[in-house]
Amino acid sequence: MIKVEIPEGLEGQVEVFRWTNTQTGELKTFFSQKAYVYNGGRYPELFKLSLPDNDSQGYKAGFYELCPSSIKIIPKKKGGTADQLGIDPYNIKLLPLVQPVQSSLPNNQNHSSVDDLINKAEKK
């Protein structure tokens, strides 16, 4: 599971980028929101999350996991030996976590940790 957090301070802060497609002349709009990914380091890392088309609201504050449909196979490059696993940066979907988890961000001490929840589940 890849855990993502939208802290309260980033909820609703959606960035908008607009450009014109030079081939069709069509105006395009791209929405993004900052979030933190828990990738095994001591602290979560800030990244920019692409939002689905026409989603100008963004994700609410909370904890999410990366949806498996966000993962794609990247075809091997010429001369390569195998395809690679990657995350599609324009098709990232997040699923809300049902259980609250511990934030590694400052000023957020009111959640149970993921490890505690896993340990409790394994003991049952």
N, C-alpha and C. Protein backbone atom coordinates (compact mmCIF):
# COMPACT_ATOMS: atom_id res chain seq x y z
N MET A 1 0.85 -1.18 0.00
CA MET A 1 0.00 0.00 0.00
C MET A 1 0.89 1.24 0.00
N ILE A 2 0.55 2.18 -0.84
CA ILE A 2 1.24 3.46 -0.87
C ILE A 2 0.29 4.47 -0.25
N LYS A 3 0.70 5.03 0.91
CA LYS A 3 -0.16 5.93 1.67
C LYS A 3 0.12 7.38 1.26
N VAL A 4 -0.97 8.15 1.13
CA VAL A 4 -0.90 9.56 0.76
C VAL A 4 -1.72 10.35 1.77
N GLU A 5 -1.22 11.53 2.15
CA GLU A 5 -1.94 12.38 3.09
C GLU A 5 -2.20 13.75 2.48
N ILE A 6 -3.43 14.20 2.64
CA ILE A 6 -3.78 15.58 2.32
C ILE A 6 -4.01 16.25 3.68
N PRO A 7 -3.04 17.04 4.16
CA PRO A 7 -3.24 17.70 5.45
C PRO A 7 -4.27 18.82 5.34
N GLU A 8 -4.83 19.20 6.47
CA GLU A 8 -5.86 20.23 6.48
C GLU A 8 -5.40 21.50 5.79
N GLY A 9 -4.15 21.87 5.91
CA GLY A 9 -3.64 23.09 5.31
C GLY A 9 -3.60 23.06 3.79
N LEU A 10 -3.68 21.86 3.20
CA LEU A 10 -3.65 21.75 1.74
C LEU A 10 -5.02 21.41 1.14
N GLU A 11 -6.01 21.17 1.99
CA GLU A 11 -7.34 20.84 1.49
C GLU A 11 -7.91 22.02 0.72
N GLY A 12 -8.42 21.75 -0.47
CA GLY A 12 -9.04 22.78 -1.28
C GLY A 12 -8.08 23.72 -1.98
N GLN A 13 -6.78 23.54 -1.78
CA GLN A 13 -5.80 24.39 -2.47
C GLN A 13 -5.44 23.74 -3.80
N VAL A 14 -6.25 24.02 -4.80
CA VAL A 14 -6.07 23.43 -6.12
C VAL A 14 -5.40 24.46 -7.03
N GLU A 15 -4.35 24.03 -7.70
CA GLU A 15 -3.67 24.89 -8.67
C GLU A 15 -4.25 24.62 -10.05
N VAL A 16 -4.41 25.67 -10.83
CA VAL A 16 -4.98 25.56 -12.17
C VAL A 16 -3.93 26.02 -13.18
N PHE A 17 -3.75 25.21 -14.21
CA PHE A 17 -2.84 25.55 -15.29
C PHE A 17 -3.62 25.44 -16.59
N ARG A 18 -3.62 26.51 -17.38
CA ARG A 18 -4.35 26.52 -18.65
C ARG A 18 -3.38 26.76 -19.80
N TRP A 19 -3.61 26.08 -20.89
CA TRP A 19 -2.81 26.27 -22.09
C TRP A 19 -3.65 25.96 -23.31
N THR A 20 -3.15 26.40 -24.44
CA THR A 20 -3.85 26.16 -25.71
C THR A 20 -3.09 25.10 -26.49
N ASN A 21 -3.82 24.08 -26.92
CA ASN A 21 -3.23 23.03 -27.75
C ASN A 21 -2.86 23.66 -29.09
N THR A 22 -1.57 23.63 -29.42
CA THR A 22 -1.11 24.30 -30.63
C THR A 22 -1.60 23.62 -31.91
N GLN A 23 -1.95 22.35 -31.83
CA GLN A 23 -2.42 21.64 -33.02
C GLN A 23 -3.90 21.85 -33.28
N THR A 24 -4.70 21.90 -32.19
CA THR A 24 -6.16 22.00 -32.36
C THR A 24 -6.70 23.39 -32.00
N GLY A 25 -5.91 24.18 -31.28
CA GLY A 25 -6.39 25.47 -30.82
C GLY A 25 -7.30 25.39 -29.62
N GLU A 26 -7.52 24.17 -29.11
CA GLU A 26 -8.42 23.95 -27.98
C GLU A 26 -7.75 24.40 -26.67
N LEU A 27 -8.52 25.09 -25.83
CA LEU A 27 -8.04 25.51 -24.52
C LEU A 27 -8.11 24.32 -23.57
N LYS A 28 -7.00 24.00 -22.93
CA LYS A 28 -6.93 22.87 -21.99
C LYS A 28 -6.74 23.41 -20.58
N THR A 29 -7.32 22.72 -19.61
CA THR A 29 -7.17 23.08 -18.21
C THR A 29 -6.69 21.86 -17.43
N PHE A 30 -5.71 22.07 -16.57
CA PHE A 30 -5.09 21.02 -15.78
C PHE A 30 -5.17 21.44 -14.33
N PHE A 31 -5.66 20.54 -13.45
CA PHE A 31 -5.78 20.82 -12.03
C PHE A 31 -4.80 19.95 -11.24
N SER A 32 -4.20 20.52 -10.20
CA SER A 32 -3.31 19.74 -9.34
C SER A 32 -3.46 20.20 -7.90
N GLN A 33 -3.02 19.34 -7.00
CA GLN A 33 -3.11 19.60 -5.57
C GLN A 33 -1.86 19.02 -4.92
N LYS A 34 -1.33 19.71 -3.93
CA LYS A 34 -0.17 19.19 -3.21
C LYS A 34 -0.62 18.18 -2.17
N ALA A 35 0.22 17.16 -1.98
CA ALA A 35 -0.06 16.09 -1.03
C ALA A 35 1.28 15.54 -0.54
N TYR A 36 1.22 14.67 0.44
CA TYR A 36 2.42 14.01 0.96
C TYR A 36 2.30 12.51 0.72
N VAL A 37 3.39 11.92 0.25
CA VAL A 37 3.43 10.47 0.04
C VAL A 37 4.36 9.86 1.09
N TYR A 38 3.91 8.75 1.67
CA TYR A 38 4.71 7.99 2.63
C TYR A 38 5.43 6.91 1.83
N ASN A 39 6.69 7.14 1.55
CA ASN A 39 7.43 6.23 0.68
C ASN A 39 8.57 5.50 1.39
N GLY A 40 8.46 5.34 2.68
CA GLY A 40 9.45 4.55 3.42
C GLY A 40 10.53 5.37 4.08
N GLY A 41 10.58 6.66 3.82
CA GLY A 41 11.57 7.52 4.46
C GLY A 41 11.14 7.91 5.86
N ARG A 42 11.97 8.68 6.52
CA ARG A 42 11.66 9.10 7.88
C ARG A 42 10.43 10.01 7.91
N TYR A 43 10.29 10.84 6.90
CA TYR A 43 9.16 11.76 6.80
C TYR A 43 8.50 11.60 5.43
N PRO A 44 7.20 11.91 5.35
CA PRO A 44 6.55 11.86 4.04
C PRO A 44 7.10 12.99 3.16
N GLU A 45 7.00 12.81 1.85
CA GLU A 45 7.53 13.79 0.91
C GLU A 45 6.40 14.49 0.18
N LEU A 46 6.57 15.81 0.02
CA LEU A 46 5.60 16.63 -0.68
C LEU A 46 5.70 16.38 -2.18
N PHE A 47 4.54 16.25 -2.84
CA PHE A 47 4.51 16.11 -4.29
C PHE A 47 3.25 16.76 -4.83
N LYS A 48 3.20 16.96 -6.13
CA LYS A 48 2.03 17.56 -6.78
C LYS A 48 1.21 16.44 -7.41
N LEU A 49 -0.04 16.36 -7.04
CA LEU A 49 -0.96 15.32 -7.47
C LEU A 49 -1.83 15.85 -8.60
N SER A 50 -1.79 15.21 -9.76
CA SER A 50 -2.69 15.59 -10.86
C SER A 50 -4.10 15.16 -10.51
N LEU A 51 -5.06 16.04 -10.72
CA LEU A 51 -6.45 15.73 -10.42
C LEU A 51 -7.19 15.32 -11.68
N PRO A 52 -8.24 14.52 -11.54
CA PRO A 52 -9.03 14.13 -12.72
C PRO A 52 -9.58 15.36 -13.44
N ASP A 53 -9.88 15.20 -14.72
CA ASP A 53 -10.42 16.30 -15.51
C ASP A 53 -11.60 16.96 -14.81
N ASN A 54 -11.63 18.26 -14.86
CA ASN A 54 -12.72 19.07 -14.31
C ASN A 54 -12.89 18.94 -12.81
N ASP A 55 -11.87 18.47 -12.08
CA ASP A 55 -11.96 18.39 -10.62
C ASP A 55 -11.27 19.62 -10.03
N SER A 56 -12.05 20.66 -9.84
CA SER A 56 -11.47 21.89 -9.31
C SER A 56 -11.58 21.97 -7.79
N GLN A 57 -12.14 20.92 -7.16
CA GLN A 57 -12.29 20.89 -5.70
C GLN A 57 -11.12 20.21 -5.01
N GLY A 58 -10.58 19.16 -5.63
CA GLY A 58 -9.48 18.41 -5.03
C GLY A 58 -9.96 17.45 -3.96
N TYR A 59 -8.99 16.78 -3.35
CA TYR A 59 -9.29 15.82 -2.29
C TYR A 59 -9.44 16.55 -0.96
N LYS A 60 -10.30 16.02 -0.11
CA LYS A 60 -10.47 16.56 1.24
C LYS A 60 -9.30 16.12 2.11
N ALA A 61 -9.10 16.82 3.21
CA ALA A 61 -8.04 16.45 4.15
C ALA A 61 -8.28 15.03 4.64
N GLY A 62 -7.22 14.26 4.75
CA GLY A 62 -7.33 12.89 5.23
C GLY A 62 -6.24 12.01 4.66
N PHE A 63 -6.38 10.74 4.93
CA PHE A 63 -5.41 9.74 4.47
C PHE A 63 -6.02 8.89 3.37
N TYR A 64 -5.20 8.58 2.40
CA TYR A 64 -5.63 7.83 1.23
C TYR A 64 -4.57 6.79 0.88
N GLU A 65 -4.96 5.86 0.03
CA GLU A 65 -3.98 4.95 -0.55
C GLU A 65 -4.07 5.06 -2.06
N LEU A 66 -2.96 4.78 -2.71
CA LEU A 66 -2.91 4.85 -4.16
C LEU A 66 -3.73 3.71 -4.75
N CYS A 67 -4.66 4.04 -5.64
CA CYS A 67 -5.50 3.04 -6.29
C CYS A 67 -4.63 2.22 -7.25
N PRO A 68 -4.78 0.90 -7.28
CA PRO A 68 -3.98 0.08 -8.20
C PRO A 68 -4.10 0.48 -9.67
N SER A 69 -5.22 1.09 -10.05
CA SER A 69 -5.37 1.50 -11.45
C SER A 69 -4.43 2.65 -11.82
N SER A 70 -3.80 3.26 -10.82
CA SER A 70 -2.83 4.34 -11.08
C SER A 70 -1.48 3.80 -11.52
N ILE A 71 -1.28 2.51 -11.37
CA ILE A 71 -0.01 1.89 -11.74
C ILE A 71 -0.12 1.38 -13.17
N LYS A 72 0.93 1.61 -13.94
CA LYS A 72 0.90 1.17 -15.34
C LYS A 72 2.22 0.50 -15.70
N ILE A 73 2.19 -0.22 -16.79
CA ILE A 73 3.38 -0.84 -17.34
C ILE A 73 3.92 0.09 -18.42
N ILE A 74 5.17 0.47 -18.28
CA ILE A 74 5.81 1.35 -19.25
C ILE A 74 6.56 0.47 -20.24
N PRO A 75 6.20 0.55 -21.51
CA PRO A 75 6.86 -0.31 -22.51
C PRO A 75 8.37 -0.11 -22.52
N LYS A 76 9.06 -1.21 -22.77
CA LYS A 76 10.52 -1.12 -22.80
C LYS A 76 10.97 -0.21 -23.93
N LYS A 77 12.08 0.45 -23.67
CA LYS A 77 12.65 1.32 -24.68
C LYS A 77 13.43 0.48 -25.67
N LYS A 78 13.67 1.04 -26.81
CA LYS A 78 14.41 0.33 -27.86
C LYS A 78 15.73 -0.18 -27.28
N GLY A 79 15.96 -1.45 -27.44
CA GLY A 79 17.18 -2.07 -26.91
C GLY A 79 17.03 -2.56 -25.49
N GLY A 80 15.91 -2.23 -24.82
CA GLY A 80 15.70 -2.68 -23.45
C GLY A 80 15.31 -4.14 -23.41
N THR A 81 15.35 -4.72 -22.21
CA THR A 81 15.05 -6.14 -22.08
C THR A 81 13.68 -6.43 -21.48
N ALA A 82 13.08 -5.43 -20.81
CA ALA A 82 11.79 -5.70 -20.16
C ALA A 82 11.01 -4.41 -19.97
N ASP A 83 9.68 -4.55 -19.87
CA ASP A 83 8.84 -3.41 -19.53
C ASP A 83 9.10 -3.03 -18.08
N GLN A 84 8.73 -1.80 -17.71
CA GLN A 84 8.95 -1.32 -16.35
C GLN A 84 7.63 -0.96 -15.69
N LEU A 85 7.62 -1.03 -14.38
CA LEU A 85 6.46 -0.66 -13.59
C LEU A 85 6.56 0.83 -13.27
N GLY A 86 5.46 1.55 -13.39
CA GLY A 86 5.47 2.98 -13.09
C GLY A 86 4.11 3.47 -12.64
N ILE A 87 4.07 4.73 -12.23
CA ILE A 87 2.82 5.38 -11.84
C ILE A 87 2.48 6.38 -12.93
N ASP A 88 1.27 6.30 -13.43
CA ASP A 88 0.81 7.20 -14.48
C ASP A 88 0.54 8.57 -13.84
N PRO A 89 1.39 9.57 -14.09
CA PRO A 89 1.23 10.86 -13.40
C PRO A 89 -0.05 11.60 -13.76
N TYR A 90 -0.69 11.24 -14.86
CA TYR A 90 -1.92 11.92 -15.27
C TYR A 90 -3.17 11.11 -14.96
N ASN A 91 -3.00 9.98 -14.26
CA ASN A 91 -4.14 9.13 -13.93
C ASN A 91 -4.03 8.63 -12.50
N ILE A 92 -3.60 9.50 -11.59
CA ILE A 92 -3.47 9.10 -10.18
C ILE A 92 -4.84 9.20 -9.52
N LYS A 93 -5.24 8.09 -8.93
CA LYS A 93 -6.51 8.05 -8.19
C LYS A 93 -6.19 7.64 -6.76
N LEU A 94 -6.86 8.27 -5.82
CA LEU A 94 -6.67 7.95 -4.41
C LEU A 94 -7.94 7.35 -3.83
N LEU A 95 -7.78 6.35 -2.98
CA LEU A 95 -8.89 5.73 -2.27
C LEU A 95 -8.79 6.10 -0.79
N PRO A 96 -9.88 6.56 -0.17
CA PRO A 96 -9.80 6.93 1.25
C PRO A 96 -9.46 5.72 2.11
N LEU A 97 -8.60 5.93 3.11
CA LEU A 97 -8.31 4.87 4.07
C LEU A 97 -9.45 4.84 5.09
N VAL A 98 -9.88 3.66 5.41
CA VAL A 98 -11.00 3.51 6.34
C VAL A 98 -10.54 3.78 7.77
N GLN A 99 -9.37 3.29 8.13
CA GLN A 99 -8.85 3.45 9.48
C GLN A 99 -7.99 4.70 9.57
N PRO A 100 -8.10 5.48 10.66
CA PRO A 100 -7.20 6.61 10.82
C PRO A 100 -5.77 6.12 11.05
N VAL A 101 -4.81 6.89 10.61
CA VAL A 101 -3.41 6.52 10.75
C VAL A 101 -2.63 7.68 11.32
N GLN A 102 -1.43 7.41 11.80
CA GLN A 102 -0.56 8.42 12.39
C GLN A 102 0.10 9.27 11.32
N SER A 103 0.00 10.54 11.46
CA SER A 103 0.68 11.46 10.55
C SER A 103 2.11 11.66 11.02
N SER A 104 3.03 11.77 10.09
CA SER A 104 4.41 12.12 10.42
C SER A 104 4.62 13.61 10.30
N LEU A 105 3.57 14.32 9.95
CA LEU A 105 3.66 15.77 9.83
C LEU A 105 3.49 16.40 11.21
N PRO A 106 4.10 17.56 11.43
CA PRO A 106 3.99 18.22 12.74
C PRO A 106 2.55 18.54 13.11
N ASN A 107 2.27 18.62 14.42
CA ASN A 107 0.98 19.04 14.96
C ASN A 107 -0.17 18.12 14.63
N ASN A 108 0.08 16.83 14.46
CA ASN A 108 -1.02 15.91 14.16
C ASN A 108 -0.76 14.63 14.94
N GLN A 109 -1.17 14.61 16.18
CA GLN A 109 -0.88 13.48 17.07
C GLN A 109 -2.13 12.69 17.45
N ASN A 110 -3.25 12.89 16.76
CA ASN A 110 -4.52 12.32 17.20
C ASN A 110 -4.93 11.05 16.46
N HIS A 111 -4.04 10.39 15.75
CA HIS A 111 -4.41 9.22 14.98
C HIS A 111 -3.64 8.00 15.45
N SER A 112 -4.20 6.81 15.26
CA SER A 112 -3.51 5.57 15.52
C SER A 112 -2.54 5.31 14.38
N SER A 113 -1.44 4.64 14.65
CA SER A 113 -0.48 4.37 13.57
C SER A 113 -0.92 3.15 12.77
N VAL A 114 -0.48 3.10 11.53
CA VAL A 114 -0.79 1.97 10.65
C VAL A 114 -0.22 0.69 11.26
N ASP A 115 1.01 0.75 11.79
CA ASP A 115 1.63 -0.45 12.38
C ASP A 115 0.80 -0.99 13.54
N ASP A 116 0.26 -0.09 14.39
CA ASP A 116 -0.59 -0.54 15.50
C ASP A 116 -1.83 -1.25 14.99
N LEU A 117 -2.44 -0.70 13.94
CA LEU A 117 -3.64 -1.32 13.37
C LEU A 117 -3.32 -2.69 12.78
N ILE A 118 -2.19 -2.80 12.10
CA ILE A 118 -1.79 -4.09 11.51
C ILE A 118 -1.50 -5.10 12.61
N ASN A 119 -0.78 -4.67 13.64
CA ASN A 119 -0.46 -5.58 14.75
C ASN A 119 -1.72 -6.08 15.45
N LYS A 120 -2.69 -5.19 15.66
CA LYS A 120 -3.94 -5.59 16.30
C LYS A 120 -4.69 -6.60 15.43
N ALA A 121 -4.70 -6.38 14.12
CA ALA A 121 -5.40 -7.27 13.21
C ALA A 121 -4.73 -8.64 13.17
N GLU A 122 -3.39 -8.68 13.23
CA GLU A 122 -2.66 -9.95 13.17
C GLU A 122 -2.86 -10.76 14.46
N LYS A 123 -3.08 -10.10 15.60
CA LYS A 123 -3.26 -10.79 16.86
C LYS A 123 -4.62 -11.45 16.97
N LYS A 124 -5.60 -10.99 16.20
CA LYS A 124 -6.96 -11.54 16.26
C LYS A 124 -7.06 -12.87 15.59
